[in-house]
Amino acid sequence: MVAKMPGKNDIALKYTSMEKNMAKEWMKLADAGNHYALTFNDKTPGARLPLDSRKTYTKSAWIIRTATLTSDKKQFEERSGV
C-alpha cells in the first residue's frame, strides 16, 4: 500500500505478495493461546516495544504502515511523511 499510493504498482504487487506470506508466519509466531502477542519471541505482557496506542512511543515502521489505512492520498502523505 505504501508503494501503491504514489502509483508504483509493480513494486506494490511484489511486496503485497511477500507481505501475505509474512503475515501467515507472524500469526504463528505471535500465537499466545487465546490472543496474539505484540511480540514474536516473548509472550510476557509488556516485554517489548508496543506497536499500539498504549504508550506515547512506537516503532516508526508502524506509523508508516498505519498511514496506508487511508485511501486519501493527501492524508497518506501527511501521516507517512512521504
PDB file of N, CA and C in Angstrom:
ATOM      1  N   MET A   1       0.818  -1.195   0.000  1.00  0.00           N
ATOM      2  CA  MET A   1       0.000   0.000   0.000  1.00  0.00           C
ATOM      3  C   MET A   1       0.863   1.261   0.000  1.00  0.00           C
ATOM      4  N   VAL A   2       2.003   1.203   0.665  1.00  0.00           N
ATOM      5  CA  VAL A   2       2.893   2.363   0.692  1.00  0.00           C
ATOM      6  C   VAL A   2       3.370   2.681  -0.717  1.00  0.00           C
ATOM      7  N   ALA A   3       3.660   1.682  -1.513  1.00  0.00           N
ATOM      8  CA  ALA A   3       4.108   1.906  -2.894  1.00  0.00           C
ATOM      9  C   ALA A   3       2.938   2.200  -3.831  1.00  0.00           C
ATOM     10  N   LYS A   4       1.779   1.650  -3.545  1.00  0.00           N
ATOM     11  CA  LYS A   4       0.623   1.823  -4.427  1.00  0.00           C
ATOM     12  C   LYS A   4       0.098   3.260  -4.420  1.00  0.00           C
ATOM     13  N   MET A   5       0.102   3.895  -3.263  1.00  0.00           N
ATOM     14  CA  MET A   5      -0.433   5.265  -3.169  1.00  0.00           C
ATOM     15  C   MET A   5       0.263   6.224  -4.140  1.00  0.00           C
ATOM     16  N   PRO A   6       1.576   6.206  -4.280  1.00  0.00           N
ATOM     17  CA  PRO A   6       2.212   7.093  -5.254  1.00  0.00           C
ATOM     18  C   PRO A   6       2.248   6.516  -6.674  1.00  0.00           C
ATOM     19  N   GLY A   7       1.553   5.377  -6.911  1.00  0.00           N
ATOM     20  CA  GLY A   7       1.447   4.829  -8.258  1.00  0.00           C
ATOM     21  C   GLY A   7       2.528   3.862  -8.675  1.00  0.00           C
ATOM     22  N   LYS A   8       3.289   3.319  -7.732  1.00  0.00           N
ATOM     23  CA  LYS A   8       4.352   2.358  -8.061  1.00  0.00           C
ATOM     24  C   LYS A   8       3.782   0.942  -7.965  1.00  0.00           C
ATOM     25  N   ASN A   9       2.906   0.594  -8.921  1.00  0.00           N
ATOM     26  CA  ASN A   9       2.139  -0.645  -8.861  1.00  0.00           C
ATOM     27  C   ASN A   9       2.983  -1.908  -8.961  1.00  0.00           C
ATOM     28  N   ASP A  10       4.061  -1.897  -9.753  1.00  0.00           N
ATOM     29  CA  ASP A  10       4.917  -3.084  -9.862  1.00  0.00           C
ATOM     30  C   ASP A  10       5.574  -3.405  -8.524  1.00  0.00           C
ATOM     31  N   ILE A  11       6.019  -2.385  -7.840  1.00  0.00           N
ATOM     32  CA  ILE A  11       6.622  -2.579  -6.519  1.00  0.00           C
ATOM     33  C   ILE A  11       5.550  -3.017  -5.524  1.00  0.00           C
ATOM     34  N   ALA A  12       4.368  -2.433  -5.623  1.00  0.00           N
ATOM     35  CA  ALA A  12       3.272  -2.792  -4.726  1.00  0.00           C
ATOM     36  C   ALA A  12       2.902  -4.269  -4.854  1.00  0.00           C
ATOM     37  N   LEU A  13       2.823  -4.775  -6.070  1.00  0.00           N
ATOM     38  CA  LEU A  13       2.488  -6.188  -6.279  1.00  0.00           C
ATOM     39  C   LEU A  13       3.542  -7.114  -5.676  1.00  0.00           C
ATOM     40  N   LYS A  14       4.801  -6.767  -5.876  1.00  0.00           N
ATOM     41  CA  LYS A  14       5.903  -7.577  -5.342  1.00  0.00           C
ATOM     42  C   LYS A  14       5.811  -7.685  -3.822  1.00  0.00           C
ATOM     43  N   TYR A  15       5.670  -6.549  -3.169  1.00  0.00           N
ATOM     44  CA  TYR A  15       5.683  -6.547  -1.710  1.00  0.00           C
ATOM     45  C   TYR A  15       4.370  -7.011  -1.102  1.00  0.00           C
ATOM     46  N   THR A  16       3.257  -6.872  -1.812  1.00  0.00           N
ATOM     47  CA  THR A  16       1.993  -7.392  -1.309  1.00  0.00           C
ATOM     48  C   THR A  16       2.054  -8.906  -1.201  1.00  0.00           C
ATOM     49  N   SER A  17       2.637  -9.547  -2.199  1.00  0.00           N
ATOM     50  CA  SER A  17       2.799 -10.998  -2.173  1.00  0.00           C
ATOM     51  C   SER A  17       3.681 -11.422  -0.998  1.00  0.00           C
ATOM     52  N   MET A  18       4.793 -10.734  -0.823  1.00  0.00           N
ATOM     53  CA  MET A  18       5.697 -11.047   0.287  1.00  0.00           C
ATOM     54  C   MET A  18       4.995 -10.838   1.625  1.00  0.00           C
ATOM     55  N   GLU A  19       4.227  -9.754   1.721  1.00  0.00           N
ATOM     56  CA  GLU A  19       3.545  -9.417   2.963  1.00  0.00           C
ATOM     57  C   GLU A  19       2.520 -10.475   3.357  1.00  0.00           C
ATOM     58  N   LYS A  20       1.800 -10.992   2.374  1.00  0.00           N
ATOM     59  CA  LYS A  20       0.807 -12.030   2.669  1.00  0.00           C
ATOM     60  C   LYS A  20       1.470 -13.271   3.255  1.00  0.00           C
ATOM     61  N   ASN A  21       2.609 -13.649   2.708  1.00  0.00           N
ATOM     62  CA  ASN A  21       3.331 -14.801   3.242  1.00  0.00           C
ATOM     63  C   ASN A  21       3.875 -14.528   4.641  1.00  0.00           C
ATOM     64  N   MET A  22       4.389 -13.326   4.855  1.00  0.00           N
ATOM     65  CA  MET A  22       4.914 -12.969   6.175  1.00  0.00           C
ATOM     66  C   MET A  22       3.809 -12.951   7.219  1.00  0.00           C
ATOM     67  N   ALA A  23       2.627 -12.447   6.845  1.00  0.00           N
ATOM     68  CA  ALA A  23       1.511 -12.365   7.794  1.00  0.00           C
ATOM     69  C   ALA A  23       1.138 -13.749   8.323  1.00  0.00           C
ATOM     70  N   LYS A  24       1.152 -14.751   7.457  1.00  0.00           N
ATOM     71  CA  LYS A  24       0.857 -16.114   7.894  1.00  0.00           C
ATOM     72  C   LYS A  24       1.879 -16.582   8.928  1.00  0.00           C
ATOM     73  N   GLU A  25       3.141 -16.285   8.668  1.00  0.00           N
ATOM     74  CA  GLU A  25       4.199 -16.681   9.598  1.00  0.00           C
ATOM     75  C   GLU A  25       4.095 -15.912  10.911  1.00  0.00           C
ATOM     76  N   TRP A  26       3.801 -14.621  10.830  1.00  0.00           N
ATOM     77  CA  TRP A  26       3.676 -13.796  12.042  1.00  0.00           C
ATOM     78  C   TRP A  26       2.536 -14.287  12.924  1.00  0.00           C
ATOM     79  N   MET A  27       1.462 -14.739  12.303  1.00  0.00           N
ATOM     80  CA  MET A  27       0.338 -15.257  13.089  1.00  0.00           C
ATOM     81  C   MET A  27       0.771 -16.469  13.911  1.00  0.00           C
ATOM     82  N   LYS A  28       1.608 -17.315  13.328  1.00  0.00           N
ATOM     83  CA  LYS A  28       2.121 -18.476  14.056  1.00  0.00           C
ATOM     84  C   LYS A  28       3.052 -18.035  15.195  1.00  0.00           C
ATOM     85  N   LEU A  29       3.962 -17.123  14.878  1.00  0.00           N
ATOM     86  CA  LEU A  29       4.957 -16.678  15.862  1.00  0.00           C
ATOM     87  C   LEU A  29       4.337 -15.916  17.032  1.00  0.00           C
ATOM     88  N   ALA A  30       3.279 -15.171  16.785  1.00  0.00           N
ATOM     89  CA  ALA A  30       2.667 -14.343  17.826  1.00  0.00           C
ATOM     90  C   ALA A  30       1.549 -15.047  18.582  1.00  0.00           C
ATOM     91  N   ASP A  31       1.231 -16.269  18.205  1.00  0.00           N
ATOM     92  CA  ASP A  31       0.136 -17.000  18.847  1.00  0.00           C
ATOM     93  C   ASP A  31       0.453 -17.230  20.319  1.00  0.00           C
ATOM     94  N   ALA A  32      -0.356 -16.658  21.172  1.00  0.00           N
ATOM     95  CA  ALA A  32      -0.170 -16.799  22.619  1.00  0.00           C
ATOM     96  C   ALA A  32      -1.373 -17.521  23.240  1.00  0.00           C
ATOM     97  N   GLY A  33      -1.976 -18.404  22.477  1.00  0.00           N
ATOM     98  CA  GLY A  33      -3.111 -19.167  23.006  1.00  0.00           C
ATOM     99  C   GLY A  33      -4.438 -18.537  22.628  1.00  0.00           C
ATOM    100  N   ASN A  34      -4.979 -17.752  23.539  1.00  0.00           N
ATOM    101  CA  ASN A  34      -6.293 -17.146  23.292  1.00  0.00           C
ATOM    102  C   ASN A  34      -6.213 -15.727  22.714  1.00  0.00           C
ATOM    103  N   HIS A  35      -5.018 -15.298  22.335  1.00  0.00           N
ATOM    104  CA  HIS A  35      -4.830 -13.968  21.729  1.00  0.00           C
ATOM    105  C   HIS A  35      -3.484 -13.960  20.995  1.00  0.00           C
ATOM    106  N   TYR A  36      -3.220 -12.871  20.279  1.00  0.00           N
ATOM    107  CA  TYR A  36      -1.917 -12.698  19.637  1.00  0.00           C
ATOM    108  C   TYR A  36      -1.082 -11.748  20.478  1.00  0.00           C
ATOM    109  N   ALA A  37       0.156 -12.138  20.735  1.00  0.00           N
ATOM    110  CA  ALA A  37       1.080 -11.292  21.489  1.00  0.00           C
ATOM    111  C   ALA A  37       1.582 -10.169  20.586  1.00  0.00           C
ATOM    112  N   LEU A  38       2.058  -9.100  21.175  1.00  0.00           N
ATOM    113  CA  LEU A  38       2.625  -7.992  20.408  1.00  0.00           C
ATOM    114  C   LEU A  38       4.082  -8.239  20.060  1.00  0.00           C
ATOM    115  N   THR A  39       4.607  -9.368  20.486  1.00  0.00           N
ATOM    116  CA  THR A  39       5.981  -9.749  20.160  1.00  0.00           C
ATOM    117  C   THR A  39       5.974 -11.172  19.623  1.00  0.00           C
ATOM    118  N   PHE A  40       7.055 -11.583  18.998  1.00  0.00           N
ATOM    119  CA  PHE A  40       7.108 -12.928  18.441  1.00  0.00           C
ATOM    120  C   PHE A  40       7.812 -13.926  19.349  1.00  0.00           C
ATOM    121  N   ASN A  41       8.797 -13.479  20.113  1.00  0.00           N
ATOM    122  CA  ASN A  41       9.601 -14.442  20.861  1.00  0.00           C
ATOM    123  C   ASN A  41       9.459 -14.348  22.374  1.00  0.00           C
ATOM    124  N   ASP A  42       8.621 -13.469  22.870  1.00  0.00           N
ATOM    125  CA  ASP A  42       8.441 -13.333  24.315  1.00  0.00           C
ATOM    126  C   ASP A  42       6.970 -13.010  24.577  1.00  0.00           C
ATOM    127  N   LYS A  43       6.257 -13.936  25.177  1.00  0.00           N
ATOM    128  CA  LYS A  43       4.816 -13.764  25.387  1.00  0.00           C
ATOM    129  C   LYS A  43       4.492 -13.050  26.702  1.00  0.00           C
ATOM    130  N   THR A  44       5.526 -12.598  27.434  1.00  0.00           N
ATOM    131  CA  THR A  44       5.324 -11.875  28.679  1.00  0.00           C
ATOM    132  C   THR A  44       4.701 -10.510  28.385  1.00  0.00           C
ATOM    133  N   PRO A  45       3.539 -10.177  28.997  1.00  0.00           N
ATOM    134  CA  PRO A  45       2.922  -8.870  28.732  1.00  0.00           C
ATOM    135  C   PRO A  45       3.874  -7.712  29.042  1.00  0.00           C
ATOM    136  N   GLY A  46       3.967  -6.766  28.132  1.00  0.00           N
ATOM    137  CA  GLY A  46       4.781  -5.577  28.328  1.00  0.00           C
ATOM    138  C   GLY A  46       6.275  -5.798  28.181  1.00  0.00           C
ATOM    139  N   ALA A  47       6.689  -6.918  27.563  1.00  0.00           N
ATOM    140  CA  ALA A  47       8.114  -7.253  27.493  1.00  0.00           C
ATOM    141  C   ALA A  47       8.862  -6.539  26.374  1.00  0.00           C
ATOM    142  N   ARG A  48       8.162  -5.997  25.358  1.00  0.00           N
ATOM    143  CA  ARG A  48       8.833  -5.368  24.236  1.00  0.00           C
ATOM    144  C   ARG A  48       8.175  -4.034  23.904  1.00  0.00           C
ATOM    145  N   LEU A  49       8.810  -3.284  22.965  1.00  0.00           N
ATOM    146  CA  LEU A  49       8.269  -2.018  22.489  1.00  0.00           C
ATOM    147  C   LEU A  49       6.867  -2.225  21.939  1.00  0.00           C
ATOM    148  N   PRO A  50       5.856  -1.496  22.430  1.00  0.00           N
ATOM    149  CA  PRO A  50       4.487  -1.702  21.970  1.00  0.00           C
ATOM    150  C   PRO A  50       4.271  -1.188  20.547  1.00  0.00           C
ATOM    151  N   LEU A  51       3.375  -1.870  19.841  1.00  0.00           N
ATOM    152  CA  LEU A  51       3.022  -1.459  18.488  1.00  0.00           C
ATOM    153  C   LEU A  51       1.600  -0.914  18.451  1.00  0.00           C
ATOM    154  N   ASP A  52       1.134  -0.433  19.556  1.00  0.00           N
ATOM    155  CA  ASP A  52      -0.216   0.112  19.619  1.00  0.00           C
ATOM    156  C   ASP A  52      -0.226   1.402  20.430  1.00  0.00           C
ATOM    157  N   SER A  53      -1.391   1.891  20.741  1.00  0.00           N
ATOM    158  CA  SER A  53      -1.509   3.211  21.369  1.00  0.00           C
ATOM    159  C   SER A  53      -1.438   3.189  22.896  1.00  0.00           C
ATOM    160  N   ARG A  54      -0.984   2.107  23.497  1.00  0.00           N
ATOM    161  CA  ARG A  54      -0.912   2.070  24.958  1.00  0.00           C
ATOM    162  C   ARG A  54       0.222   2.934  25.505  1.00  0.00           C
ATOM    163  N   LYS A  55       1.151   3.291  24.661  1.00  0.00           N
ATOM    164  CA  LYS A  55       2.275   4.149  25.060  1.00  0.00           C
ATOM    165  C   LYS A  55       2.362   5.332  24.110  1.00  0.00           C
ATOM    166  N   THR A  56       3.122   6.339  24.487  1.00  0.00           N
ATOM    167  CA  THR A  56       3.267   7.524  23.636  1.00  0.00           C
ATOM    168  C   THR A  56       4.360   7.345  22.592  1.00  0.00           C
ATOM    169  N   TYR A  57       5.071   6.244  22.605  1.00  0.00           N
ATOM    170  CA  TYR A  57       6.094   5.966  21.609  1.00  0.00           C
ATOM    171  C   TYR A  57       5.741   4.658  20.888  1.00  0.00           C
ATOM    172  N   THR A  58       6.240   4.507  19.705  1.00  0.00           N
ATOM    173  CA  THR A  58       6.026   3.285  18.930  1.00  0.00           C
ATOM    174  C   THR A  58       7.068   3.217  17.834  1.00  0.00           C
ATOM    175  N   LYS A  59       7.124   2.130  17.115  1.00  0.00           N
ATOM    176  CA  LYS A  59       8.082   1.981  16.040  1.00  0.00           C
ATOM    177  C   LYS A  59       7.677   2.834  14.845  1.00  0.00           C
ATOM    178  N   SER A  60       8.647   3.461  14.201  1.00  0.00           N
ATOM    179  CA  SER A  60       8.344   4.325  13.059  1.00  0.00           C
ATOM    180  C   SER A  60       7.725   3.539  11.909  1.00  0.00           C
ATOM    181  N   ALA A  61       8.116   2.281  11.727  1.00  0.00           N
ATOM    182  CA  ALA A  61       7.522   1.468  10.662  1.00  0.00           C
ATOM    183  C   ALA A  61       6.029   1.293  10.884  1.00  0.00           C
ATOM    184  N   TRP A  62       5.628   1.210  12.130  1.00  0.00           N
ATOM    185  CA  TRP A  62       4.205   1.070  12.441  1.00  0.00           C
ATOM    186  C   TRP A  62       3.450   2.344  12.062  1.00  0.00           C
ATOM    187  N   ILE A  63       4.042   3.489  12.264  1.00  0.00           N
ATOM    188  CA  ILE A  63       3.406   4.752  11.894  1.00  0.00           C
ATOM    189  C   ILE A  63       3.173   4.797  10.387  1.00  0.00           C
ATOM    190  N   ILE A  64       4.169   4.410   9.611  1.00  0.00           N
ATOM    191  CA  ILE A  64       4.026   4.397   8.152  1.00  0.00           C
ATOM    192  C   ILE A  64       2.995   3.369   7.732  1.00  0.00           C
ATOM    193  N   ARG A  65       3.025   2.201   8.344  1.00  0.00           N
ATOM    194  CA  ARG A  65       2.069   1.146   7.987  1.00  0.00           C
ATOM    195  C   ARG A  65       0.635   1.596   8.245  1.00  0.00           C
ATOM    196  N   THR A  66       0.394   2.251   9.366  1.00  0.00           N
ATOM    197  CA  THR A  66      -0.961   2.699   9.657  1.00  0.00           C
ATOM    198  C   THR A  66      -1.399   3.815   8.727  1.00  0.00           C
ATOM    199  N   ALA A  67      -0.463   4.542   8.152  1.00  0.00           N
ATOM    200  CA  ALA A  67      -0.819   5.583   7.180  1.00  0.00           C
ATOM    201  C   ALA A  67      -1.456   4.975   5.942  1.00  0.00           C
ATOM    202  N   THR A  68      -1.140   3.714   5.655  1.00  0.00           N
ATOM    203  CA  THR A  68      -1.717   3.069   4.472  1.00  0.00           C
ATOM    204  C   THR A  68      -3.189   2.712   4.658  1.00  0.00           C
ATOM    205  N   LEU A  69      -3.714   2.884   5.841  1.00  0.00           N
ATOM    206  CA  LEU A  69      -5.121   2.551   6.085  1.00  0.00           C
ATOM    207  C   LEU A  69      -6.081   3.556   5.454  1.00  0.00           C
ATOM    208  N   THR A  70      -5.573   4.686   5.030  1.00  0.00           N
ATOM    209  CA  THR A  70      -6.419   5.667   4.364  1.00  0.00           C
ATOM    210  C   THR A  70      -6.370   5.481   2.853  1.00  0.00           C
ATOM    211  N   SER A  71      -7.464   5.786   2.195  1.00  0.00           N
ATOM    212  CA  SER A  71      -7.469   5.737   0.728  1.00  0.00           C
ATOM    213  C   SER A  71      -7.296   7.139   0.139  1.00  0.00           C
ATOM    214  N   ASP A  72      -7.160   8.128   1.007  1.00  0.00           N
ATOM    215  CA  ASP A  72      -6.992   9.511   0.590  1.00  0.00           C
ATOM    216  C   ASP A  72      -5.500   9.829   0.472  1.00  0.00           C
ATOM    217  N   LYS A  73      -5.046  10.175  -0.733  1.00  0.00           N
ATOM    218  CA  LYS A  73      -3.617  10.399  -0.977  1.00  0.00           C
ATOM    219  C   LYS A  73      -3.050  11.522  -0.102  1.00  0.00           C
ATOM    220  N   LYS A  74      -3.802  12.598   0.098  1.00  0.00           N
ATOM    221  CA  LYS A  74      -3.312  13.715   0.914  1.00  0.00           C
ATOM    222  C   LYS A  74      -3.094  13.264   2.372  1.00  0.00           C
ATOM    223  N   GLN A  75      -4.046  12.508   2.925  1.00  0.00           N
ATOM    224  CA  GLN A  75      -3.901  12.016   4.286  1.00  0.00           C
ATOM    225  C   GLN A  75      -2.707  11.065   4.391  1.00  0.00           C
ATOM    226  N   PHE A  76      -2.543  10.213   3.391  1.00  0.00           N
ATOM    227  CA  PHE A  76      -1.413   9.285   3.374  1.00  0.00           C
ATOM    228  C   PHE A  76      -0.096  10.057   3.449  1.00  0.00           C
ATOM    229  N   GLU A  77       0.047  11.072   2.615  1.00  0.00           N
ATOM    230  CA  GLU A  77       1.279  11.863   2.587  1.00  0.00           C
ATOM    231  C   GLU A  77       1.515  12.586   3.899  1.00  0.00           C
ATOM    232  N   GLU A  78       0.437  13.090   4.517  1.00  0.00           N
ATOM    233  CA  GLU A  78       0.572  13.784   5.810  1.00  0.00           C
ATOM    234  C   GLU A  78       0.987  12.841   6.911  1.00  0.00           C
ATOM    235  N   ARG A  79       0.420  11.647   6.928  1.00  0.00           N
ATOM    236  CA  ARG A  79       0.671  10.688   8.011  1.00  0.00           C
ATOM    237  C   ARG A  79       1.981   9.939   7.861  1.00  0.00           C
ATOM    238  N   SER A  80       2.399   9.706   6.639  1.00  0.00           N
ATOM    239  CA  SER A  80       3.601   8.896   6.429  1.00  0.00           C
ATOM    240  C   SER A  80       4.869   9.732   6.267  1.00  0.00           C
ATOM    241  N   GLY A  81       4.698  11.000   5.971  1.00  0.00           N
ATOM    242  CA  GLY A  81       5.863  11.843   5.729  1.00  0.00           C
ATOM    243  C   GLY A  81       6.448  11.676   4.351  1.00  0.00           C
ATOM    244  N   VAL A  82       5.735  10.975   3.477  1.00  0.00           N
ATOM    245  CA  VAL A  82       6.197  10.736   2.098  1.00  0.00           C
ATOM    246  C   VAL A  82       5.963  11.972   1.255  1.00  0.00           C
TER     247      VAL A  82
END
